Amino acid sequence: MPNTKQDRARVAGGQDHEVRYEAKTEGVSKDKVKDTVKDVGNSRKKVEAKLDKKS
């Protein structure tokens, strides 16, 4: 099943491959990505914005 635009707009915090991808992209740990998803929700824009502030 191909990814849809909506799929790419979210970070599934419970799916290791998505957490690993986001951690690698942002240069942070997987735990930091998971914690950020818990804090701000699964919107990729919000997760990336918060991770960028922490870096």
N, C-alpha and C. Protein backbone atom coordinates (compact mmCIF):
# COMPACT_ATOMS: atom_id res chain seq x y z
N MET A 1 0.85 -1.18 0.00
CA MET A 1 0.00 0.00 0.00
C MET A 1 0.90 1.24 0.00
N PRO A 2 0.72 2.13 -0.94
CA PRO A 2 1.56 3.33 -0.99
C PRO A 2 1.21 4.30 0.14
N ASN A 3 2.22 5.05 0.55
CA ASN A 3 2.00 6.09 1.56
C ASN A 3 1.16 7.20 0.97
N THR A 4 0.28 7.72 1.74
CA THR A 4 -0.51 8.86 1.30
C THR A 4 0.06 10.12 1.93
N LYS A 5 -0.36 11.25 1.43
CA LYS A 5 0.10 12.52 1.98
C LYS A 5 -0.19 12.59 3.48
N GLN A 6 -1.35 12.07 3.88
CA GLN A 6 -1.73 12.09 5.29
C GLN A 6 -0.77 11.22 6.11
N ASP A 7 -0.36 10.07 5.57
CA ASP A 7 0.58 9.21 6.28
C ASP A 7 1.89 9.92 6.54
N ARG A 8 2.39 10.65 5.57
CA ARG A 8 3.66 11.35 5.72
C ARG A 8 3.56 12.53 6.66
N ALA A 9 2.36 12.98 6.93
CA ALA A 9 2.15 14.13 7.82
C ALA A 9 2.15 13.72 9.29
N ARG A 10 2.25 12.43 9.56
CA ARG A 10 2.18 11.92 10.93
C ARG A 10 3.40 11.08 11.26
N VAL A 11 3.75 11.05 12.54
CA VAL A 11 4.81 10.17 13.04
C VAL A 11 4.13 9.17 13.95
N ALA A 12 4.14 7.90 13.57
CA ALA A 12 3.54 6.85 14.40
C ALA A 12 4.55 6.47 15.47
N GLY A 13 4.37 6.99 16.67
CA GLY A 13 5.31 6.77 17.76
C GLY A 13 5.46 5.33 18.18
N GLY A 14 4.49 4.50 17.84
CA GLY A 14 4.54 3.09 18.20
C GLY A 14 5.15 2.21 17.13
N GLN A 15 5.53 2.79 16.00
CA GLN A 15 6.10 2.00 14.91
C GLN A 15 7.60 2.30 14.82
N ASP A 16 8.39 1.28 15.12
CA ASP A 16 9.83 1.46 15.23
C ASP A 16 10.45 2.06 13.97
N HIS A 17 10.01 1.63 12.80
CA HIS A 17 10.63 2.14 11.57
C HIS A 17 10.39 3.64 11.40
N GLU A 18 9.22 4.12 11.81
CA GLU A 18 8.95 5.55 11.70
C GLU A 18 9.75 6.35 12.73
N VAL A 19 9.83 5.83 13.93
CA VAL A 19 10.60 6.50 14.99
C VAL A 19 12.08 6.52 14.60
N ARG A 20 12.58 5.40 14.08
CA ARG A 20 13.98 5.31 13.67
C ARG A 20 14.27 6.30 12.54
N TYR A 21 13.38 6.40 11.57
CA TYR A 21 13.56 7.33 10.45
C TYR A 21 13.60 8.78 10.95
N GLU A 22 12.66 9.13 11.80
CA GLU A 22 12.60 10.51 12.30
C GLU A 22 13.82 10.82 13.16
N ALA A 23 14.26 9.86 13.97
CA ALA A 23 15.45 10.06 14.80
C ALA A 23 16.68 10.29 13.93
N LYS A 24 16.83 9.51 12.89
CA LYS A 24 17.97 9.66 12.00
C LYS A 24 17.90 11.00 11.26
N THR A 25 16.73 11.36 10.78
CA THR A 25 16.54 12.61 10.04
C THR A 25 16.87 13.82 10.91
N GLU A 26 16.45 13.78 12.17
CA GLU A 26 16.64 14.92 13.07
C GLU A 26 17.95 14.85 13.87
N GLY A 27 18.64 13.71 13.80
CA GLY A 27 19.90 13.58 14.52
C GLY A 27 19.72 13.48 16.03
N VAL A 28 18.64 12.80 16.45
CA VAL A 28 18.36 12.62 17.87
C VAL A 28 18.11 11.15 18.16
N SER A 29 17.93 10.80 19.42
CA SER A 29 17.67 9.41 19.80
C SER A 29 16.22 9.04 19.53
N LYS A 30 15.98 7.73 19.43
CA LYS A 30 14.60 7.25 19.25
C LYS A 30 13.75 7.61 20.46
N ASP A 31 14.34 7.55 21.65
CA ASP A 31 13.59 7.89 22.87
C ASP A 31 13.15 9.36 22.84
N LYS A 32 14.01 10.23 22.32
CA LYS A 32 13.66 11.65 22.25
C LYS A 32 12.48 11.85 21.29
N VAL A 33 12.47 11.10 20.18
CA VAL A 33 11.35 11.19 19.24
C VAL A 33 10.07 10.71 19.91
N LYS A 34 10.13 9.58 20.59
CA LYS A 34 8.95 9.03 21.26
C LYS A 34 8.42 10.01 22.31
N ASP A 35 9.32 10.59 23.10
CA ASP A 35 8.90 11.55 24.12
C ASP A 35 8.26 12.78 23.49
N THR A 36 8.82 13.22 22.37
CA THR A 36 8.27 14.40 21.68
C THR A 36 6.89 14.11 21.13
N VAL A 37 6.69 12.91 20.57
CA VAL A 37 5.36 12.53 20.07
C VAL A 37 4.36 12.53 21.23
N LYS A 38 4.77 12.05 22.39
CA LYS A 38 3.89 12.07 23.56
C LYS A 38 3.54 13.50 23.97
N ASP A 39 4.52 14.40 23.86
CA ASP A 39 4.32 15.79 24.28
C ASP A 39 3.44 16.59 23.31
N VAL A 40 3.71 16.47 22.01
CA VAL A 40 3.04 17.35 21.04
C VAL A 40 2.06 16.65 20.12
N GLY A 41 1.97 15.33 20.21
CA GLY A 41 1.08 14.60 19.31
C GLY A 41 1.88 14.08 18.12
N ASN A 42 1.18 13.48 17.15
CA ASN A 42 1.89 12.81 16.07
C ASN A 42 2.01 13.63 14.79
N SER A 43 1.72 14.89 14.82
CA SER A 43 1.91 15.76 13.66
C SER A 43 3.41 15.89 13.38
N ARG A 44 3.83 15.49 12.19
CA ARG A 44 5.25 15.54 11.84
C ARG A 44 5.80 16.96 11.96
N LYS A 45 5.01 17.95 11.54
CA LYS A 45 5.46 19.35 11.63
C LYS A 45 5.72 19.76 13.08
N LYS A 46 4.82 19.39 13.98
CA LYS A 46 4.99 19.75 15.39
C LYS A 46 6.16 19.00 16.02
N VAL A 47 6.29 17.72 15.68
CA VAL A 47 7.39 16.92 16.22
C VAL A 47 8.72 17.51 15.76
N GLU A 48 8.84 17.78 14.45
CA GLU A 48 10.10 18.33 13.92
C GLU A 48 10.39 19.70 14.48
N ALA A 49 9.36 20.52 14.64
CA ALA A 49 9.57 21.86 15.19
C ALA A 49 10.10 21.78 16.62
N LYS A 50 9.54 20.91 17.43
CA LYS A 50 10.00 20.77 18.82
C LYS A 50 11.41 20.18 18.87
N LEU A 51 11.69 19.20 18.02
CA LEU A 51 13.02 18.63 18.01
C LEU A 51 14.06 19.64 17.55
N ASP A 52 13.69 20.51 16.61
CA ASP A 52 14.61 21.54 16.14
C ASP A 52 14.94 22.53 17.25
N LYS A 53 13.98 22.81 18.13
CA LYS A 53 14.21 23.73 19.24
C LYS A 53 15.17 23.11 20.26
N LYS A 54 15.08 21.79 20.44
CA LYS A 54 15.92 21.10 21.41
C LYS A 54 17.35 20.96 20.93
N SER A 55 17.55 20.94 19.63
CA SER A 55 18.90 20.69 19.08
C SER A 55 19.82 21.86 19.26
